[in-house]
Amino acid sequence: MTSSVRTAYRRALVVRDGGSAPAVEELHLPEVGPGQVRVRIRAAGVCHSDLSMLNGMLKPPYPLVLGHEAAGEVVEVGEHVTRVAVGQHVALNWLPACRACWFCEHGEPWLCSTSSGSATLANGSTLDGVPVHLALGLGAFAEQVVVPANAVVAVPEELGWANAALLGCAVLTGIGAVRNTARVEPGSSVVVIGLGGVGLSVVAAARAAGAASVVAVDRSAAKATLAEASGATDFLVWSDTLSKDVRVRTEGRGADHAFECVGRAATVRAAWRATRRGGRVTVVGMGRADDMVELSAFDIFSSARTLRSSVYGSSDPDVEIPALAREVLSGALRLDHLITDRIALAEVPAAFDRMSRGEGARSVVLF
């Protein structure tokens, strides 16, 4: 133990049950055990996955602390922790790899079979004596968190808290989908459906990869300015004629690549139809388990398209978060246009409302 910090009450955004609105509550945090670290959260992005836990798309247990896209300062480390020290700036990793399972040993740590990512776990935190669950194993809408040491990645202090937070989810997910999963080639055509923080990161990464055209699509016409700032060559408002509109802009063939960043069957089908024969469809959005995508067997055969998902950008955060941080510091990667609202913890419910209406890009809680 290298700090005098002990078990304490800290503020966090908690949903008590499925019918409750999120509210700031006082949590009792656990002591730091071996292999764990305590992080004082400095910034946390409001991600659509958090909203999905609130609006019923996902079915988490309660009470629940929301939040998973965050950065902060290490204030305490447990025994056997060597990867970070007290005082270091870190981004949180909601899908930490065990480095020992089959997937990790075969170069796919984003599919780690023992990771807490995508689960909602309790770590000893309590609310009025009741165990509290943590969104994606982190529960980062909180003043402090206690997490496994492999769930933090050291970042340069000069990066800034908000930028570091975004690297941990939206940016890593969106850029990874382009670079690692789809491997967009220079001169290719791309369509991106859904322009939240992840979708806008996909747009920027596609242009940076040399895509000749990037058609950005959203249901909100107000997203046009954000799309342009991210590098889109065209902007379309979602409609039933989307595939036709995309083909008009791609010499009648359809896009070489389509990225679905919403997580709905309807938009997956639209991405499929907007892609040329032999093209690639990458699903980045996380949808409902019962929202079924239907494609005909003949269409799958005759179109020769590839349909796959991109989990956390098919990335290794331990390697790619520091690499992305270097790109930000060098000026090769800009993130300022992704942050449209800087808010306090109690303002997260209003940020969810804006997200539901399709307004803005990322809201970031600054502690």
Protein backbone atom coordinates (compact mmCIF):
# COMPACT_ATOMS: atom_id res chain seq x y z
CA MET A 1 0.00 0.00 0.00
CA THR A 2 1.51 3.32 -1.06
CA SER A 3 -1.17 5.76 0.04
CA SER A 4 -3.03 6.59 3.22
CA VAL A 5 -6.42 6.60 1.43
CA ARG A 6 -8.88 4.31 3.21
CA THR A 7 -12.42 3.12 2.71
CA ALA A 8 -14.70 6.15 2.36
CA TYR A 9 -17.98 7.47 1.08
CA ARG A 10 -17.84 8.95 -2.43
CA ARG A 11 -20.46 10.45 -4.70
CA ALA A 12 -21.60 8.46 -7.73
CA LEU A 13 -24.46 8.43 -10.24
CA VAL A 14 -26.70 5.53 -9.26
CA VAL A 15 -29.83 3.96 -10.73
CA ARG A 16 -31.62 2.27 -7.83
CA ASP A 17 -33.98 0.14 -9.93
CA GLY A 18 -35.44 -0.21 -13.42
CA GLY A 19 -38.03 2.50 -12.85
CA SER A 20 -35.79 5.08 -11.19
CA ALA A 21 -34.04 8.06 -12.69
CA PRO A 22 -30.27 8.20 -12.11
CA ALA A 23 -29.33 10.34 -9.13
CA VAL A 24 -26.15 11.31 -7.30
CA GLU A 25 -25.78 9.15 -4.19
CA GLU A 26 -23.15 8.50 -1.52
CA LEU A 27 -21.47 5.12 -1.97
CA HIS A 28 -19.37 3.21 0.52
CA LEU A 29 -16.25 2.12 -1.39
CA PRO A 30 -14.28 -1.04 -0.61
CA GLU A 31 -10.69 -1.07 0.54
CA VAL A 32 -8.06 -1.64 -2.15
CA GLY A 33 -7.05 -5.29 -2.29
CA PRO A 34 -4.10 -7.05 -3.91
CA GLY A 35 -3.90 -6.38 -7.64
CA GLN A 36 -6.30 -3.43 -7.42
CA VAL A 37 -6.00 0.34 -7.71
CA ARG A 38 -8.08 3.27 -6.56
CA VAL A 39 -8.54 6.04 -9.12
CA ARG A 40 -9.84 9.54 -8.52
CA ILE A 41 -11.97 10.17 -11.62
CA ARG A 42 -11.28 13.50 -13.31
CA ALA A 43 -13.35 13.15 -16.50
CA ALA A 44 -15.99 10.72 -17.77
CA GLY A 45 -17.71 10.65 -21.14
CA VAL A 46 -21.43 9.94 -21.52
CA CYS A 47 -21.65 6.95 -23.87
CA HIS A 48 -24.67 5.40 -25.58
CA SER A 49 -23.97 2.12 -23.78
CA ASP A 50 -24.79 3.93 -20.52
CA LEU A 51 -28.07 5.10 -22.02
CA SER A 52 -28.81 1.56 -23.18
CA MET A 53 -28.61 0.39 -19.56
CA LEU A 54 -31.06 3.10 -18.60
CA ASN A 55 -33.66 2.85 -21.38
CA GLY A 56 -34.16 -0.92 -21.31
CA MET A 57 -32.09 -1.89 -24.35
CA LEU A 58 -29.80 -3.75 -21.97
CA LYS A 59 -31.00 -5.47 -18.79
CA PRO A 60 -28.51 -4.74 -15.98
CA PRO A 61 -28.99 -5.61 -12.32
CA TYR A 62 -29.67 -2.87 -9.76
CA PRO A 63 -28.67 -0.75 -7.96
CA LEU A 64 -26.24 0.26 -10.68
CA VAL A 65 -23.47 2.85 -11.02
CA LEU A 66 -23.33 4.03 -14.61
CA GLY A 67 -20.28 5.14 -16.59
CA HIS A 68 -17.28 3.42 -18.17
CA GLU A 69 -15.47 5.95 -20.41
CA ALA A 70 -13.20 7.78 -17.98
CA ALA A 71 -9.78 8.98 -16.93
CA GLY A 72 -8.28 9.95 -13.61
CA GLU A 73 -5.40 9.88 -11.19
CA VAL A 74 -4.18 6.84 -9.28
CA VAL A 75 -4.46 7.58 -5.55
CA GLU A 76 -3.80 4.13 -4.09
CA VAL A 77 -2.38 0.82 -5.25
CA GLY A 78 -2.70 -2.61 -3.70
CA GLU A 79 -0.11 -5.30 -3.22
CA HIS A 80 1.57 -6.77 -6.30
CA VAL A 81 0.63 -3.79 -8.52
CA THR A 82 3.57 -2.71 -10.67
CA ARG A 83 2.03 -1.33 -13.88
CA VAL A 84 1.00 2.03 -12.35
CA ALA A 85 1.98 4.11 -9.33
CA VAL A 86 0.26 6.70 -7.17
CA GLY A 87 -0.02 10.00 -8.99
CA GLN A 88 -0.05 8.59 -12.52
CA HIS A 89 -2.71 9.67 -15.00
CA VAL A 90 -4.69 6.76 -16.43
CA ALA A 91 -7.52 5.98 -18.82
CA LEU A 92 -9.92 3.23 -17.80
CA ASN A 93 -10.23 0.07 -19.88
CA TRP A 94 -13.66 -1.58 -19.63
CA LEU A 95 -12.43 -4.74 -21.38
CA PRO A 96 -9.17 -5.65 -19.61
CA ALA A 97 -7.49 -8.75 -21.01
CA CYS A 98 -6.38 -11.65 -18.82
CA ARG A 99 -3.46 -12.45 -21.19
CA ALA A 100 -3.90 -16.16 -20.47
CA CYS A 101 -7.06 -17.42 -22.22
CA TRP A 102 -7.17 -18.85 -25.76
CA PHE A 103 -8.28 -15.55 -27.32
CA CYS A 104 -5.59 -13.51 -25.60
CA GLU A 105 -2.89 -15.99 -26.53
CA HIS A 106 -4.06 -15.91 -30.16
CA GLY A 107 -3.90 -12.13 -30.54
CA GLU A 108 -7.58 -11.26 -29.87
CA PRO A 109 -7.60 -9.68 -26.39
CA TRP A 110 -10.85 -7.83 -27.17
CA LEU A 111 -12.56 -11.23 -27.06
CA CYS A 112 -10.97 -12.24 -23.75
CA SER A 113 -13.07 -15.02 -22.24
CA THR A 114 -12.45 -14.02 -18.63
CA SER A 115 -12.73 -10.23 -18.88
CA SER A 116 -15.37 -8.35 -16.93
CA GLY A 117 -16.08 -6.16 -19.96
CA SER A 118 -19.74 -6.14 -21.06
CA ALA A 119 -20.64 -7.57 -17.64
CA THR A 120 -22.11 -5.59 -14.78
CA LEU A 121 -20.29 -6.60 -11.63
CA ALA A 122 -20.23 -5.75 -7.95
CA ASN A 123 -16.82 -5.05 -6.39
CA GLY A 124 -17.75 -4.48 -2.75
CA SER A 125 -19.22 -0.98 -3.12
CA THR A 126 -22.48 -0.56 -1.22
CA LEU A 127 -25.44 1.84 -1.12
CA ASP A 128 -27.24 1.87 2.22
CA GLY A 129 -25.61 -1.47 2.94
CA VAL A 130 -26.77 -3.05 -0.33
CA PRO A 131 -24.17 -4.25 -2.89
CA VAL A 132 -23.94 -2.00 -5.91
CA HIS A 133 -23.29 -3.18 -9.47
CA LEU A 134 -20.88 -1.37 -11.78
CA ALA A 135 -21.55 -0.69 -15.45
CA LEU A 136 -19.08 -2.66 -17.59
CA GLY A 137 -17.19 -3.53 -14.43
CA LEU A 138 -16.19 0.10 -13.78
CA GLY A 139 -19.07 2.35 -12.65
CA ALA A 140 -17.07 5.40 -13.64
CA PHE A 141 -19.67 8.13 -13.02
CA ALA A 142 -18.15 8.41 -9.58
CA GLU A 143 -15.63 10.52 -7.71
CA GLN A 144 -13.48 7.44 -7.14
CA VAL A 145 -13.42 3.83 -8.32
CA VAL A 146 -11.60 0.70 -7.18
CA VAL A 147 -10.71 -1.47 -10.17
CA PRO A 148 -8.31 -4.26 -11.16
CA ALA A 149 -4.88 -2.95 -12.11
CA ASN A 150 -5.26 -4.30 -15.65
CA ALA A 151 -8.30 -2.03 -16.10
CA VAL A 152 -6.14 1.12 -16.18
CA VAL A 153 -3.73 2.32 -18.86
CA ALA A 154 -1.15 5.01 -18.11
CA VAL A 155 -1.39 8.14 -20.29
CA PRO A 156 0.78 11.30 -20.50
CA GLU A 157 -0.20 14.09 -18.09
CA GLU A 158 -0.16 16.66 -20.90
CA LEU A 159 -2.94 14.78 -22.72
CA GLY A 160 -5.67 16.36 -20.57
CA TRP A 161 -8.44 14.60 -18.69
CA ALA A 162 -11.25 14.88 -21.25
CA ASN A 163 -9.11 13.63 -24.12
CA ALA A 164 -7.82 10.74 -22.02
CA ALA A 165 -11.38 9.73 -21.14
CA LEU A 166 -12.49 9.64 -24.78
CA LEU A 167 -9.54 7.46 -25.76
CA GLY A 168 -10.86 4.76 -23.45
CA CYS A 169 -14.05 4.11 -25.42
CA ALA A 170 -15.42 6.32 -28.22
CA VAL A 171 -12.14 7.06 -29.97
CA LEU A 172 -10.57 3.64 -29.52
CA THR A 173 -13.77 1.92 -30.65
CA GLY A 174 -14.31 4.11 -33.71
CA ILE A 175 -10.73 4.34 -34.90
CA GLY A 176 -10.13 0.66 -34.23
CA ALA A 177 -13.16 -0.30 -36.31
CA VAL A 178 -11.59 1.49 -39.29
CA ARG A 179 -7.95 0.54 -38.81
CA ASN A 180 -8.15 -2.92 -37.26
CA THR A 181 -11.48 -4.48 -38.22
CA ALA A 182 -12.37 -3.09 -41.66
CA ARG A 183 -8.88 -1.94 -42.67
CA VAL A 184 -10.15 0.83 -44.90
CA GLU A 185 -7.92 1.34 -47.93
CA PRO A 186 -6.87 4.66 -49.52
CA GLY A 187 -9.26 5.71 -52.26
CA SER A 188 -12.19 3.66 -50.94
CA SER A 189 -15.74 4.86 -50.34
CA VAL A 190 -17.27 4.72 -46.87
CA VAL A 191 -20.71 5.25 -45.36
CA VAL A 192 -21.12 5.76 -41.61
CA ILE A 193 -24.58 5.42 -40.02
CA GLY A 194 -24.98 7.05 -36.61
CA LEU A 195 -22.94 10.10 -35.59
CA GLY A 196 -22.42 9.95 -31.87
CA GLY A 197 -18.92 10.02 -30.45
CA VAL A 198 -18.10 6.61 -31.92
CA GLY A 199 -19.57 7.34 -35.36
CA LEU A 200 -17.76 10.66 -35.64
CA SER A 201 -14.52 8.90 -34.68
CA VAL A 202 -15.18 6.43 -37.51
CA VAL A 203 -15.67 9.32 -39.93
CA ALA A 204 -12.39 10.96 -38.88
CA ALA A 205 -10.46 7.68 -39.02
CA ALA A 206 -11.82 6.82 -42.47
CA ARG A 207 -10.66 10.15 -43.90
CA ALA A 208 -7.31 9.80 -42.17
CA ALA A 209 -6.98 6.35 -43.77
CA GLY A 210 -7.31 7.98 -47.19
CA ALA A 211 -10.95 7.24 -48.04
CA ALA A 212 -11.93 9.23 -51.10
CA SER A 213 -15.51 9.70 -49.95
CA VAL A 214 -17.10 9.41 -46.51
CA VAL A 215 -20.88 9.66 -46.45
CA ALA A 216 -22.05 10.42 -42.91
CA VAL A 217 -25.66 9.55 -42.00
CA ASP A 218 -27.76 10.54 -39.01
CA ARG A 219 -31.41 11.08 -38.21
CA SER A 220 -30.63 14.61 -37.01
CA ALA A 221 -29.88 17.26 -39.62
CA ALA A 222 -28.05 19.20 -36.91
CA LYS A 223 -25.24 16.63 -37.07
CA ALA A 224 -24.13 17.94 -40.48
CA THR A 225 -21.71 20.46 -38.96
CA LEU A 226 -20.14 17.83 -36.71
CA ALA A 227 -19.84 15.45 -39.65
CA GLU A 228 -18.05 18.06 -41.71
CA ALA A 229 -15.70 18.89 -38.83
CA SER A 230 -14.85 15.20 -38.58
CA GLY A 231 -14.00 14.97 -42.27
CA ALA A 232 -17.17 13.74 -43.99
CA THR A 233 -17.41 14.54 -47.69
CA ASP A 234 -21.20 14.14 -47.71
CA PHE A 235 -24.01 14.21 -45.16
CA LEU A 236 -27.39 12.52 -45.42
CA VAL A 237 -30.38 12.57 -43.11
CA TRP A 238 -31.61 9.04 -42.45
CA SER A 239 -34.45 8.02 -44.78
CA ASP A 240 -35.95 4.96 -46.44
CA THR A 241 -34.08 5.87 -49.64
CA LEU A 242 -30.66 5.74 -47.97
CA SER A 243 -29.22 2.95 -50.11
CA LYS A 244 -30.27 4.76 -53.29
CA ASP A 245 -28.83 8.05 -52.02
CA VAL A 246 -25.51 6.37 -51.19
CA ARG A 247 -25.34 4.72 -54.61
CA VAL A 248 -25.83 8.08 -56.30
CA ARG A 249 -22.66 9.20 -54.52
CA THR A 250 -20.67 6.03 -55.28
CA GLU A 251 -21.00 5.70 -59.08
CA GLY A 252 -24.06 3.50 -58.68
CA ARG A 253 -22.25 0.64 -56.95
CA GLY A 254 -22.68 1.37 -53.26
CA ALA A 255 -19.95 1.99 -50.70
CA ASP A 256 -16.86 -0.19 -50.33
CA HIS A 257 -17.33 -0.03 -46.54
CA ALA A 258 -20.34 0.63 -44.34
CA PHE A 259 -20.11 1.20 -40.59
CA GLU A 260 -23.24 0.77 -38.49
CA CYS A 261 -22.80 2.75 -35.26
CA VAL A 262 -26.35 2.60 -33.89
CA GLY A 263 -27.02 -0.98 -32.86
CA ARG A 264 -30.40 -1.65 -34.48
CA ALA A 265 -31.54 -4.26 -36.95
CA ALA A 266 -32.98 -1.61 -39.26
CA THR A 267 -29.68 0.26 -39.54
CA VAL A 268 -27.70 -2.96 -39.98
CA ARG A 269 -29.95 -3.84 -42.93
CA ALA A 270 -29.56 -0.31 -44.30
CA ALA A 271 -25.77 -0.57 -44.05
CA TRP A 272 -25.95 -3.90 -45.90
CA ARG A 273 -28.04 -2.44 -48.73
CA ALA A 274 -25.84 0.66 -49.01
CA THR A 275 -22.71 -1.46 -49.60
CA ARG A 276 -21.56 -2.63 -53.03
CA ARG A 277 -21.29 -6.26 -54.06
CA GLY A 278 -18.17 -7.62 -52.43
CA GLY A 279 -18.15 -4.77 -49.91
CA ARG A 280 -17.72 -4.93 -46.16
CA VAL A 281 -20.25 -4.08 -43.46
CA THR A 282 -18.89 -3.49 -39.96
CA VAL A 283 -21.33 -3.37 -37.04
CA VAL A 284 -19.97 -1.16 -34.28
CA GLY A 285 -23.19 -0.41 -32.38
CA MET A 286 -24.34 -2.74 -29.59
CA GLY A 287 -28.01 -3.66 -29.96
CA ARG A 288 -30.72 -5.66 -28.21
CA ALA A 289 -30.52 -9.43 -27.99
CA ASP A 290 -34.04 -9.76 -29.41
CA ASP A 291 -33.62 -7.28 -32.31
CA MET A 292 -33.18 -9.76 -35.14
CA VAL A 293 -31.48 -8.96 -38.46
CA GLU A 294 -33.05 -10.79 -41.41
CA LEU A 295 -31.18 -11.32 -44.70
CA SER A 296 -32.14 -13.75 -47.42
CA ALA A 297 -29.88 -16.70 -48.11
CA PHE A 298 -29.80 -15.73 -51.79
CA ASP A 299 -28.82 -12.13 -50.99
CA ILE A 300 -25.96 -13.29 -48.77
CA PHE A 301 -24.68 -15.54 -51.55
CA SER A 302 -25.16 -13.26 -54.54
CA SER A 303 -23.96 -10.02 -52.95
CA ALA A 304 -20.66 -11.50 -51.74
CA ARG A 305 -20.66 -8.92 -48.95
CA THR A 306 -18.92 -9.46 -45.62
CA LEU A 307 -20.82 -8.72 -42.40
CA ARG A 308 -18.89 -8.64 -39.13
CA SER A 309 -18.81 -6.78 -35.85
CA SER A 310 -16.06 -4.73 -34.26
CA VAL A 311 -15.82 -5.28 -30.50
CA TYR A 312 -13.97 -2.39 -28.82
CA GLY A 313 -12.33 -1.58 -32.14
CA SER A 314 -10.68 -5.04 -32.34
CA SER A 315 -8.01 -3.37 -30.23
CA ASP A 316 -5.52 -4.02 -27.48
CA PRO A 317 -6.04 -0.96 -25.25
CA ASP A 318 -2.72 -1.47 -23.45
CA VAL A 319 -0.98 -0.85 -26.78
CA GLU A 320 -3.37 1.40 -28.67
CA ILE A 321 -4.45 3.91 -26.01
CA PRO A 322 -0.83 5.09 -25.53
CA ALA A 323 -0.37 5.15 -29.32
CA LEU A 324 -3.52 7.26 -29.78
CA ALA A 325 -2.36 9.57 -26.99
CA ARG A 326 0.86 10.18 -28.93
CA GLU A 327 -1.19 11.00 -32.04
CA VAL A 328 -3.24 13.55 -30.08
CA LEU A 329 -0.14 15.19 -28.64
CA SER A 330 1.53 15.36 -32.06
CA GLY A 331 -1.53 16.97 -33.63
CA ALA A 332 -2.16 14.02 -35.95
CA LEU A 333 -5.45 13.27 -34.17
CA ARG A 334 -7.92 15.97 -33.11
CA LEU A 335 -10.58 15.31 -30.48
CA ASP A 336 -11.84 18.80 -29.59
CA HIS A 337 -14.79 18.65 -32.01
CA LEU A 338 -16.08 15.49 -30.32
CA ILE A 339 -16.75 17.25 -27.01
CA THR A 340 -19.86 19.39 -27.34
CA ASP A 341 -20.82 19.67 -23.66
CA ARG A 342 -18.75 19.83 -20.47
CA ILE A 343 -20.96 19.04 -17.52
CA ALA A 344 -21.15 18.22 -13.80
CA LEU A 345 -22.07 14.76 -12.50
CA ALA A 346 -25.63 15.79 -11.66
CA GLU A 347 -26.14 16.92 -15.26
CA VAL A 348 -25.68 13.43 -16.76
CA PRO A 349 -29.47 12.78 -16.96
CA ALA A 350 -29.83 15.91 -19.09
CA ALA A 351 -26.98 14.62 -21.28
CA PHE A 352 -28.91 11.37 -21.75
CA ASP A 353 -31.92 13.42 -22.87
CA ARG A 354 -29.80 15.23 -25.45
CA MET A 355 -28.42 11.92 -26.64
CA SER A 356 -31.93 10.50 -27.00
CA ARG A 357 -32.85 13.50 -29.15
CA GLY A 358 -29.74 13.06 -31.29
CA GLU A 359 -28.15 16.33 -30.16
CA GLY A 360 -24.41 16.94 -29.94
CA ALA A 361 -21.53 14.48 -29.89
CA ARG A 362 -19.95 13.72 -26.48
CA SER A 363 -20.89 15.18 -23.12
CA VAL A 364 -18.00 14.88 -20.68
CA VAL A 365 -18.35 15.04 -16.89
CA LEU A 366 -15.52 17.05 -15.34
CA PHE A 367 -14.96 16.42 -11.64
